[in-house]
Amino acid sequence: MNIALMAHDRKKELMVQFCIAYCGILAGHSICATNTTGRLVSEATGLPIDLYLTCRQGGSQQIGARISYNELDMVLFFSDPSGGEPLDDVQEICRLCDQHNIPFASNVATAEVLIHGLQDGYFAWRDIVNPKNK
């Protein structure tokens, strides 16, 4: 499965801790991320991560494009609704995930449910509902 990671500034450390905790599960999948988040996670876990631009430079749009082309199977975007960062990127990514039936988590509680589902094989339906071009 192809998984995208994103996090607002105040949630980057939480994303790193989450990925450390679930490194064993994530290691079996392809991961991409916005630049700063991906670099921090990769340094902490050793996971190979395809890095895109930062959110402010267009990384959200790059991930949005991959969603639109059905190239992602899950998006974990730890947002900070109480922070000073705009939530437009979260809303757009969430909208695209809804439109293309891609599991989306905006907080650690939902991400944990999704990651356990991933571990237990509950996302095989993605290949049926949204077959990828081989």
C-alpha atoms as a PDB file:
ATOM      1  CA  MET A   1       0.000   0.000   0.000  1.00  0.00           C
ATOM      2  CA  ASN A   2       1.044   3.585  -0.626  1.00  0.00           C
ATOM      3  CA  ILE A   3       0.781   5.795   2.447  1.00  0.00           C
ATOM      4  CA  ALA A   4       1.170   9.581   2.644  1.00  0.00           C
ATOM      5  CA  LEU A   5       2.288  11.345   5.827  1.00  0.00           C
ATOM      6  CA  MET A   6       1.670  15.007   6.578  1.00  0.00           C
ATOM      7  CA  ALA A   7       1.688  17.026   9.798  1.00  0.00           C
ATOM      8  CA  HIS A   8       1.312  20.613  10.884  1.00  0.00           C
ATOM      9  CA  ASP A   9       4.297  22.045  12.751  1.00  0.00           C
ATOM     10  CA  ARG A  10       2.920  21.426  16.252  1.00  0.00           C
ATOM     11  CA  LYS A  11       2.061  17.817  15.334  1.00  0.00           C
ATOM     12  CA  LYS A  12       5.321  16.778  13.659  1.00  0.00           C
ATOM     13  CA  GLU A  13       6.780  15.299  16.845  1.00  0.00           C
ATOM     14  CA  LEU A  14       3.560  13.321  17.382  1.00  0.00           C
ATOM     15  CA  MET A  15       3.862  11.972  13.822  1.00  0.00           C
ATOM     16  CA  VAL A  16       7.465  10.964  14.510  1.00  0.00           C
ATOM     17  CA  GLN A  17       6.464   9.165  17.718  1.00  0.00           C
ATOM     18  CA  PHE A  18       3.567   7.455  15.928  1.00  0.00           C
ATOM     19  CA  CYS A  19       5.855   6.233  13.156  1.00  0.00           C
ATOM     20  CA  ILE A  20       8.435   4.997  15.665  1.00  0.00           C
ATOM     21  CA  ALA A  21       5.702   3.022  17.430  1.00  0.00           C
ATOM     22  CA  TYR A  22       4.394   1.512  14.188  1.00  0.00           C
ATOM     23  CA  CYS A  23       7.648   1.303  12.250  1.00  0.00           C
ATOM     24  CA  GLY A  24       7.319  -2.461  11.876  1.00  0.00           C
ATOM     25  CA  ILE A  25       3.969  -2.119  10.118  1.00  0.00           C
ATOM     26  CA  LEU A  26       4.961   0.899   8.020  1.00  0.00           C
ATOM     27  CA  ALA A  27       8.150  -0.804   6.839  1.00  0.00           C
ATOM     28  CA  GLY A  28       6.123  -3.155   4.663  1.00  0.00           C
ATOM     29  CA  HIS A  29       4.607  -0.307   2.648  1.00  0.00           C
ATOM     30  CA  SER A  30       5.650   2.575   0.400  1.00  0.00           C
ATOM     31  CA  ILE A  31       5.637   5.913   2.185  1.00  0.00           C
ATOM     32  CA  CYS A  32       5.675   9.448   0.858  1.00  0.00           C
ATOM     33  CA  ALA A  33       5.508  12.644   2.856  1.00  0.00           C
ATOM     34  CA  THR A  34       5.808  16.362   2.752  1.00  0.00           C
ATOM     35  CA  ASN A  35       9.451  17.346   3.132  1.00  0.00           C
ATOM     36  CA  THR A  36       9.939  18.314   6.767  1.00  0.00           C
ATOM     37  CA  THR A  37       7.608  15.658   8.143  1.00  0.00           C
ATOM     38  CA  GLY A  38       9.124  12.941   5.979  1.00  0.00           C
ATOM     39  CA  ARG A  39      12.694  13.922   6.795  1.00  0.00           C
ATOM     40  CA  LEU A  40      11.996  13.888  10.548  1.00  0.00           C
ATOM     41  CA  VAL A  41      10.239  10.506  10.354  1.00  0.00           C
ATOM     42  CA  SER A  42      12.963   9.005   8.169  1.00  0.00           C
ATOM     43  CA  GLU A  43      15.738  10.207  10.486  1.00  0.00           C
ATOM     44  CA  ALA A  44      13.941   8.794  13.544  1.00  0.00           C
ATOM     45  CA  THR A  45      12.884   5.458  12.050  1.00  0.00           C
ATOM     46  CA  GLY A  46      15.231   4.715   9.158  1.00  0.00           C
ATOM     47  CA  LEU A  47      12.197   4.173   6.911  1.00  0.00           C
ATOM     48  CA  PRO A  48      12.693   5.044   3.241  1.00  0.00           C
ATOM     49  CA  ILE A  49      10.353   7.921   2.426  1.00  0.00           C
ATOM     50  CA  ASP A  50       9.760   9.696  -0.875  1.00  0.00           C
ATOM     51  CA  LEU A  51       9.911  13.395  -0.023  1.00  0.00           C
ATOM     52  CA  TYR A  52       7.782  16.074  -1.636  1.00  0.00           C
ATOM     53  CA  LEU A  53       7.858  19.813  -1.141  1.00  0.00           C
ATOM     54  CA  THR A  54       6.872  21.324   2.189  1.00  0.00           C
ATOM     55  CA  CYS A  55       3.158  22.072   2.566  1.00  0.00           C
ATOM     56  CA  ARG A  56       3.831  25.780   2.177  1.00  0.00           C
ATOM     57  CA  GLN A  57       5.743  25.189  -1.079  1.00  0.00           C
ATOM     58  CA  GLY A  58       3.178  22.895  -2.690  1.00  0.00           C
ATOM     59  CA  GLY A  59       3.612  19.515  -1.025  1.00  0.00           C
ATOM     60  CA  SER A  60      -0.110  19.344  -0.253  1.00  0.00           C
ATOM     61  CA  GLN A  61      -0.843  19.795  -3.941  1.00  0.00           C
ATOM     62  CA  GLN A  62       1.637  17.066  -4.854  1.00  0.00           C
ATOM     63  CA  ILE A  63      -0.042  14.632  -2.474  1.00  0.00           C
ATOM     64  CA  GLY A  64      -3.443  15.824  -3.696  1.00  0.00           C
ATOM     65  CA  ALA A  65      -2.410  14.971  -7.245  1.00  0.00           C
ATOM     66  CA  ARG A  66      -1.386  11.453  -6.195  1.00  0.00           C
ATOM     67  CA  ILE A  67      -4.786  11.036  -4.532  1.00  0.00           C
ATOM     68  CA  SER A  68      -6.542  12.208  -7.693  1.00  0.00           C
ATOM     69  CA  TYR A  69      -4.581   9.718  -9.803  1.00  0.00           C
ATOM     70  CA  ASN A  70      -5.419   6.887  -7.370  1.00  0.00           C
ATOM     71  CA  GLU A  71      -1.776   6.413  -6.427  1.00  0.00           C
ATOM     72  CA  LEU A  72      -2.312   6.521  -2.653  1.00  0.00           C
ATOM     73  CA  ASP A  73      -4.117   4.067  -0.406  1.00  0.00           C
ATOM     74  CA  MET A  74      -4.050   5.935   2.901  1.00  0.00           C
ATOM     75  CA  VAL A  75      -3.330   9.454   4.138  1.00  0.00           C
ATOM     76  CA  LEU A  76      -2.281  10.327   7.674  1.00  0.00           C
ATOM     77  CA  PHE A  77      -2.397  14.110   8.163  1.00  0.00           C
ATOM     78  CA  PHE A  78      -1.972  15.167  11.779  1.00  0.00           C
ATOM     79  CA  SER A  79      -3.567  18.594  11.816  1.00  0.00           C
ATOM     80  CA  ASP A  80      -3.470  21.251  14.507  1.00  0.00           C
ATOM     81  CA  PRO A  81      -6.873  22.945  14.580  1.00  0.00           C
ATOM     82  CA  SER A  82      -5.826  25.158  17.508  1.00  0.00           C
ATOM     83  CA  GLY A  83      -2.601  26.344  15.899  1.00  0.00           C
ATOM     84  CA  GLY A  84      -2.004  29.334  13.713  1.00  0.00           C
ATOM     85  CA  GLU A  85      -1.649  27.271  10.553  1.00  0.00           C
ATOM     86  CA  PRO A  86      -4.386  27.430   7.918  1.00  0.00           C
ATOM     87  CA  LEU A  87      -6.627  24.391   7.689  1.00  0.00           C
ATOM     88  CA  ASP A  88      -7.320  24.779   3.958  1.00  0.00           C
ATOM     89  CA  ASP A  89      -4.795  22.071   3.086  1.00  0.00           C
ATOM     90  CA  VAL A  90      -6.380  19.620   5.534  1.00  0.00           C
ATOM     91  CA  GLN A  91      -9.851  20.297   4.152  1.00  0.00           C
ATOM     92  CA  GLU A  92      -8.693  19.863   0.555  1.00  0.00           C
ATOM     93  CA  ILE A  93      -6.833  16.608   1.248  1.00  0.00           C
ATOM     94  CA  CYS A  94      -9.823  15.300   3.223  1.00  0.00           C
ATOM     95  CA  ARG A  95     -12.183  16.259   0.366  1.00  0.00           C
ATOM     96  CA  LEU A  96     -10.003  14.453  -2.184  1.00  0.00           C
ATOM     97  CA  CYS A  97      -9.773  11.358   0.028  1.00  0.00           C
ATOM     98  CA  ASP A  98     -13.567  11.324   0.384  1.00  0.00           C
ATOM     99  CA  GLN A  99     -13.981  11.750  -3.355  1.00  0.00           C
ATOM    100  CA  HIS A 100     -11.615   8.858  -4.161  1.00  0.00           C
ATOM    101  CA  ASN A 101     -12.469   6.512  -1.243  1.00  0.00           C
ATOM    102  CA  ILE A 102      -9.067   6.767   0.407  1.00  0.00           C
ATOM    103  CA  PRO A 103      -8.839   6.209   4.170  1.00  0.00           C
ATOM    104  CA  PHE A 104      -7.850   9.478   5.889  1.00  0.00           C
ATOM    105  CA  ALA A 105      -6.813  10.234   9.460  1.00  0.00           C
ATOM    106  CA  SER A 106      -6.441  13.762  10.788  1.00  0.00           C
ATOM    107  CA  ASN A 107      -5.449  12.725  14.313  1.00  0.00           C
ATOM    108  CA  VAL A 108      -3.467  10.048  16.087  1.00  0.00           C
ATOM    109  CA  ALA A 109      -6.541   8.169  17.370  1.00  0.00           C
ATOM    110  CA  THR A 110      -7.919   7.587  13.883  1.00  0.00           C
ATOM    111  CA  ALA A 111      -4.455   6.869  12.503  1.00  0.00           C
ATOM    112  CA  GLU A 112      -3.998   4.132  15.072  1.00  0.00           C
ATOM    113  CA  VAL A 113      -7.250   2.458  14.005  1.00  0.00           C
ATOM    114  CA  LEU A 114      -6.199   2.652  10.349  1.00  0.00           C
ATOM    115  CA  ILE A 115      -2.712   1.295  10.998  1.00  0.00           C
ATOM    116  CA  HIS A 116      -4.117  -1.684  12.914  1.00  0.00           C
ATOM    117  CA  GLY A 117      -6.560  -2.293  10.053  1.00  0.00           C
ATOM    118  CA  LEU A 118      -3.641  -2.151   7.646  1.00  0.00           C
ATOM    119  CA  GLN A 119      -1.764  -4.699   9.745  1.00  0.00           C
ATOM    120  CA  ASP A 120      -4.782  -7.004   9.819  1.00  0.00           C
ATOM    121  CA  GLY A 121      -5.342  -6.823   6.060  1.00  0.00           C
ATOM    122  CA  TYR A 122      -8.591  -4.844   6.114  1.00  0.00           C
ATOM    123  CA  PHE A 123      -7.613  -2.649   3.170  1.00  0.00           C
ATOM    124  CA  ALA A 124      -7.454  -5.298   0.439  1.00  0.00           C
ATOM    125  CA  TRP A 125     -10.738  -3.826  -0.816  1.00  0.00           C
ATOM    126  CA  ARG A 126      -8.700  -0.880  -2.157  1.00  0.00           C
ATOM    127  CA  ASP A 127      -7.409  -3.144  -4.926  1.00  0.00           C
ATOM    128  CA  ILE A 128     -10.970  -4.176  -5.831  1.00  0.00           C
ATOM    129  CA  VAL A 129     -12.730  -0.809  -5.618  1.00  0.00           C
ATOM    130  CA  ASN A 130      -9.831   1.208  -7.006  1.00  0.00           C
ATOM    131  CA  PRO A 131      -7.627  -1.106  -9.076  1.00  0.00           C
ATOM    132  CA  LYS A 132      -4.257   0.331  -9.929  1.00  0.00           C
ATOM    133  CA  ASN A 133      -2.886   0.264 -13.447  1.00  0.00           C
ATOM    134  CA  LYS A 134      -0.119  -2.298 -13.563  1.00  0.00           C
END
